[in-house]
Amino acid sequence: MPITYYLILSGILFTLGILGVILRRNAIILFMSLELMFNAANILFVAFAAYYQVLSGQMFVFFVMIVAAAEVAVGLALIVTIFRSKNSINVDELSSLKG
């Protein structure tokens, strides 16, 4: 399969992730969109690693997966804590958490 298919798929997924971050105000949808962008980058890393026959792209994928798992664990803990105190996970309402 040509590498252009992977490039197109990754571009579409990354664009959907950016649209989710920009257009949605729900914190869970925001985290899902970030994960979609991470996975689009992972597809590119693996595609280029397979195309050039090097393993460094796959090592980057493992690093991105570890960072994404840590981000989800901390992010979901923050979302649950904010939901318990505010009864909402709307990102626009979080500006009142100052000081």
N, C-alpha and C. Protein backbone atom coordinates (compact mmCIF):
# COMPACT_ATOMS: atom_id res chain seq x y z
N MET A 1 0.85 -1.17 0.00
CA MET A 1 0.00 0.00 0.00
C MET A 1 0.90 1.24 0.00
N PRO A 2 0.59 2.23 -0.82
CA PRO A 2 1.44 3.43 -0.88
C PRO A 2 1.37 4.24 0.41
N ILE A 3 2.43 4.97 0.67
CA ILE A 3 2.49 5.77 1.89
C ILE A 3 1.51 6.95 1.84
N THR A 4 1.08 7.34 0.65
CA THR A 4 0.15 8.47 0.55
C THR A 4 -1.19 8.16 1.21
N TYR A 5 -1.60 6.89 1.21
CA TYR A 5 -2.84 6.53 1.90
C TYR A 5 -2.73 6.80 3.40
N TYR A 6 -1.58 6.48 3.96
CA TYR A 6 -1.36 6.74 5.38
C TYR A 6 -1.30 8.24 5.66
N LEU A 7 -0.69 8.99 4.76
CA LEU A 7 -0.63 10.44 4.92
C LEU A 7 -2.02 11.06 4.88
N ILE A 8 -2.84 10.60 3.96
CA ILE A 8 -4.21 11.14 3.85
C ILE A 8 -5.03 10.77 5.08
N LEU A 9 -4.95 9.51 5.53
CA LEU A 9 -5.68 9.09 6.72
C LEU A 9 -5.24 9.88 7.94
N SER A 10 -3.94 10.06 8.09
CA SER A 10 -3.43 10.80 9.23
C SER A 10 -3.87 12.27 9.18
N GLY A 11 -3.85 12.85 7.99
CA GLY A 11 -4.30 14.24 7.85
C GLY A 11 -5.76 14.41 8.19
N ILE A 12 -6.59 13.46 7.77
CA ILE A 12 -8.02 13.53 8.08
C ILE A 12 -8.25 13.39 9.59
N LEU A 13 -7.57 12.43 10.22
CA LEU A 13 -7.74 12.25 11.66
C LEU A 13 -7.25 13.46 12.44
N PHE A 14 -6.12 14.03 12.01
CA PHE A 14 -5.59 15.20 12.71
C PHE A 14 -6.52 16.40 12.55
N THR A 15 -7.09 16.56 11.36
CA THR A 15 -8.03 17.65 11.13
C THR A 15 -9.29 17.49 11.98
N LEU A 16 -9.79 16.27 12.07
CA LEU A 16 -10.95 16.02 12.94
C LEU A 16 -10.62 16.32 14.40
N GLY A 17 -9.41 15.99 14.83
CA GLY A 17 -9.00 16.30 16.19
C GLY A 17 -8.92 17.79 16.44
N ILE A 18 -8.37 18.53 15.49
CA ILE A 18 -8.28 19.99 15.65
C ILE A 18 -9.68 20.60 15.69
N LEU A 19 -10.57 20.13 14.83
CA LEU A 19 -11.94 20.64 14.84
C LEU A 19 -12.63 20.33 16.17
N GLY A 20 -12.37 19.16 16.72
CA GLY A 20 -12.95 18.82 18.02
C GLY A 20 -12.44 19.72 19.14
N VAL A 21 -11.16 20.05 19.10
CA VAL A 21 -10.60 20.94 20.13
C VAL A 21 -11.14 22.35 19.98
N ILE A 22 -11.25 22.82 18.76
CA ILE A 22 -11.68 24.20 18.53
C ILE A 22 -13.18 24.39 18.76
N LEU A 23 -13.98 23.45 18.27
CA LEU A 23 -15.43 23.67 18.25
C LEU A 23 -16.16 23.19 19.49
N ARG A 24 -15.65 22.22 20.19
CA ARG A 24 -16.38 21.65 21.32
C ARG A 24 -15.91 22.26 22.63
N ARG A 25 -16.80 22.36 23.60
CA ARG A 25 -16.47 22.94 24.89
C ARG A 25 -16.52 21.91 26.02
N ASN A 26 -16.82 20.67 25.72
CA ASN A 26 -16.88 19.62 26.72
C ASN A 26 -15.46 19.09 26.95
N ALA A 27 -15.06 18.96 28.20
CA ALA A 27 -13.69 18.56 28.52
C ALA A 27 -13.39 17.13 28.08
N ILE A 28 -14.36 16.25 28.14
CA ILE A 28 -14.12 14.87 27.71
C ILE A 28 -13.94 14.81 26.20
N ILE A 29 -14.74 15.55 25.45
CA ILE A 29 -14.58 15.62 24.00
C ILE A 29 -13.23 16.25 23.66
N LEU A 30 -12.80 17.21 24.45
CA LEU A 30 -11.50 17.85 24.24
C LEU A 30 -10.38 16.83 24.39
N PHE A 31 -10.43 16.00 25.42
CA PHE A 31 -9.40 14.97 25.61
C PHE A 31 -9.46 13.91 24.51
N MET A 32 -10.67 13.56 24.08
CA MET A 32 -10.78 12.59 22.99
C MET A 32 -10.19 13.15 21.70
N SER A 33 -10.38 14.43 21.46
CA SER A 33 -9.82 15.06 20.27
C SER A 33 -8.30 15.11 20.34
N LEU A 34 -7.76 15.37 21.52
CA LEU A 34 -6.31 15.34 21.67
C LEU A 34 -5.76 13.94 21.42
N GLU A 35 -6.44 12.93 21.90
CA GLU A 35 -6.02 11.55 21.65
C GLU A 35 -6.09 11.22 20.16
N LEU A 36 -7.08 11.74 19.47
CA LEU A 36 -7.19 11.53 18.04
C LEU A 36 -6.00 12.15 17.31
N MET A 37 -5.58 13.32 17.74
CA MET A 37 -4.41 13.96 17.12
C MET A 37 -3.14 13.18 17.43
N PHE A 38 -3.01 12.66 18.66
CA PHE A 38 -1.85 11.83 18.99
C PHE A 38 -1.81 10.58 18.11
N ASN A 39 -2.97 9.96 17.90
CA ASN A 39 -3.01 8.75 17.09
C ASN A 39 -2.72 9.04 15.62
N ALA A 40 -3.11 10.22 15.14
CA ALA A 40 -2.76 10.60 13.77
C ALA A 40 -1.25 10.72 13.62
N ALA A 41 -0.60 11.30 14.62
CA ALA A 41 0.86 11.39 14.58
C ALA A 41 1.49 10.01 14.68
N ASN A 42 0.91 9.13 15.47
CA ASN A 42 1.42 7.76 15.58
C ASN A 42 1.34 7.02 14.25
N ILE A 43 0.25 7.22 13.51
CA ILE A 43 0.13 6.58 12.21
C ILE A 43 1.25 7.05 11.28
N LEU A 44 1.55 8.34 11.32
CA LEU A 44 2.64 8.85 10.49
C LEU A 44 3.98 8.29 10.91
N PHE A 45 4.23 8.22 12.21
CA PHE A 45 5.50 7.66 12.69
C PHE A 45 5.69 6.23 12.20
N VAL A 46 4.65 5.41 12.33
CA VAL A 46 4.74 4.01 11.93
C VAL A 46 4.86 3.89 10.40
N ALA A 47 4.12 4.72 9.68
CA ALA A 47 4.17 4.65 8.21
C ALA A 47 5.57 5.01 7.70
N PHE A 48 6.15 6.07 8.23
CA PHE A 48 7.49 6.46 7.78
C PHE A 48 8.55 5.48 8.26
N ALA A 49 8.35 4.90 9.44
CA ALA A 49 9.30 3.89 9.93
C ALA A 49 9.27 2.66 9.03
N ALA A 50 8.10 2.25 8.59
CA ALA A 50 8.01 1.10 7.69
C ALA A 50 8.53 1.43 6.30
N TYR A 51 8.30 2.65 5.86
CA TYR A 51 8.74 3.05 4.52
C TYR A 51 10.27 3.12 4.43
N TYR A 52 10.90 3.69 5.46
CA TYR A 52 12.35 3.84 5.45
C TYR A 52 13.09 2.69 6.15
N GLN A 53 12.36 1.70 6.64
CA GLN A 53 12.94 0.53 7.28
C GLN A 53 13.83 0.88 8.48
N VAL A 54 13.34 1.79 9.33
CA VAL A 54 14.04 2.15 10.57
C VAL A 54 13.08 1.96 11.74
N LEU A 55 13.61 1.73 12.91
CA LEU A 55 12.77 1.49 14.09
C LEU A 55 12.57 2.73 14.95
N SER A 56 13.21 3.83 14.62
CA SER A 56 13.09 5.01 15.48
C SER A 56 11.67 5.56 15.49
N GLY A 57 10.93 5.45 14.40
CA GLY A 57 9.55 5.91 14.38
C GLY A 57 8.67 5.13 15.33
N GLN A 58 8.91 3.83 15.42
CA GLN A 58 8.12 3.02 16.33
C GLN A 58 8.49 3.29 17.79
N MET A 59 9.72 3.68 18.04
CA MET A 59 10.09 4.07 19.41
C MET A 59 9.38 5.37 19.80
N PHE A 60 9.24 6.29 18.85
CA PHE A 60 8.50 7.51 19.13
C PHE A 60 7.03 7.20 19.42
N VAL A 61 6.49 6.21 18.75
CA VAL A 61 5.09 5.82 19.00
C VAL A 61 4.91 5.36 20.43
N PHE A 62 5.83 4.55 20.92
CA PHE A 62 5.73 4.11 22.32
C PHE A 62 5.83 5.29 23.28
N PHE A 63 6.70 6.24 22.99
CA PHE A 63 6.82 7.43 23.83
C PHE A 63 5.53 8.23 23.82
N VAL A 64 4.95 8.43 22.64
CA VAL A 64 3.69 9.19 22.53
C VAL A 64 2.57 8.46 23.26
N MET A 65 2.53 7.14 23.17
CA MET A 65 1.50 6.37 23.88
C MET A 65 1.63 6.50 25.39
N ILE A 66 2.87 6.51 25.89
CA ILE A 66 3.09 6.67 27.33
C ILE A 66 2.66 8.04 27.79
N VAL A 67 3.02 9.07 27.03
CA VAL A 67 2.62 10.44 27.38
C VAL A 67 1.10 10.57 27.31
N ALA A 68 0.47 9.98 26.31
CA ALA A 68 -0.98 10.07 26.18
C ALA A 68 -1.68 9.35 27.34
N ALA A 69 -1.15 8.22 27.76
CA ALA A 69 -1.75 7.50 28.89
C ALA A 69 -1.64 8.31 30.18
N ALA A 70 -0.50 8.94 30.39
CA ALA A 70 -0.34 9.78 31.57
C ALA A 70 -1.26 10.99 31.50
N GLU A 71 -1.40 11.56 30.32
CA GLU A 71 -2.27 12.73 30.15
C GLU A 71 -3.72 12.36 30.42
N VAL A 72 -4.14 11.20 29.98
CA VAL A 72 -5.52 10.76 30.22
C VAL A 72 -5.76 10.50 31.70
N ALA A 73 -4.80 9.87 32.36
CA ALA A 73 -4.98 9.57 33.78
C ALA A 73 -5.11 10.86 34.60
N VAL A 74 -4.23 11.79 34.36
CA VAL A 74 -4.27 13.06 35.11
C VAL A 74 -5.48 13.89 34.68
N GLY A 75 -5.74 13.93 33.38
CA GLY A 75 -6.86 14.73 32.87
C GLY A 75 -8.20 14.23 33.36
N LEU A 76 -8.41 12.93 33.35
CA LEU A 76 -9.69 12.41 33.83
C LEU A 76 -9.85 12.60 35.34
N ALA A 77 -8.77 12.51 36.07
CA ALA A 77 -8.85 12.79 37.51
C ALA A 77 -9.25 14.25 37.75
N LEU A 78 -8.69 15.16 36.96
CA LEU A 78 -9.06 16.57 37.09
C LEU A 78 -10.52 16.79 36.67
N ILE A 79 -10.96 16.13 35.62
CA ILE A 79 -12.34 16.29 35.17
C ILE A 79 -13.32 15.79 36.23
N VAL A 80 -13.03 14.66 36.85
CA VAL A 80 -13.91 14.13 37.90
C VAL A 80 -13.95 15.08 39.09
N THR A 81 -12.80 15.61 39.48
CA THR A 81 -12.76 16.55 40.60
C THR A 81 -13.52 17.83 40.29
N ILE A 82 -13.36 18.35 39.09
CA ILE A 82 -14.08 19.57 38.70
C ILE A 82 -15.57 19.30 38.60
N PHE A 83 -15.96 18.14 38.08
CA PHE A 83 -17.38 17.82 37.99
C PHE A 83 -18.02 17.71 39.37
N ARG A 84 -17.29 17.17 40.33
CA ARG A 84 -17.84 17.05 41.68
C ARG A 84 -18.06 18.42 42.32
N SER A 85 -17.19 19.37 42.02
CA SER A 85 -17.34 20.69 42.64
C SER A 85 -18.25 21.63 41.85
N LYS A 86 -18.28 21.51 40.52
CA LYS A 86 -19.04 22.44 39.68
C LYS A 86 -20.32 21.85 39.08
N ASN A 87 -20.45 20.52 39.08
CA ASN A 87 -21.56 19.82 38.42
C ASN A 87 -21.63 20.10 36.93
N SER A 88 -20.50 20.42 36.34
CA SER A 88 -20.42 20.65 34.91
C SER A 88 -18.98 20.45 34.46
N ILE A 89 -18.79 20.00 33.22
CA ILE A 89 -17.44 19.87 32.69
C ILE A 89 -17.25 20.76 31.48
N ASN A 90 -18.02 21.83 31.41
CA ASN A 90 -17.90 22.80 30.34
C ASN A 90 -16.60 23.59 30.53
N VAL A 91 -15.79 23.67 29.49
CA VAL A 91 -14.50 24.32 29.59
C VAL A 91 -14.64 25.83 29.82
N ASP A 92 -15.71 26.43 29.30
CA ASP A 92 -15.91 27.87 29.46
C ASP A 92 -16.16 28.27 30.91
N GLU A 93 -16.68 27.36 31.71
CA GLU A 93 -16.98 27.67 33.11
C GLU A 93 -15.77 27.50 34.02
N LEU A 94 -14.66 27.04 33.50
CA LEU A 94 -13.50 26.77 34.34
C LEU A 94 -12.66 28.01 34.61
N SER A 95 -12.98 29.14 34.02
CA SER A 95 -12.23 30.35 34.28
C SER A 95 -12.48 30.88 35.70
N SER A 96 -13.53 30.39 36.36
CA SER A 96 -13.82 30.83 37.71
C SER A 96 -12.99 30.10 38.76
N LEU A 97 -12.04 29.26 38.36
CA LEU A 97 -11.20 28.53 39.29
C LEU A 97 -9.96 29.32 39.69
N LYS A 98 -9.89 30.58 39.32
CA LYS A 98 -8.72 31.40 39.64
C LYS A 98 -8.63 31.63 41.14
N GLY A 99 -7.38 31.66 41.62
CA GLY A 99 -7.09 32.02 42.99
C GLY A 99 -7.76 31.16 43.95
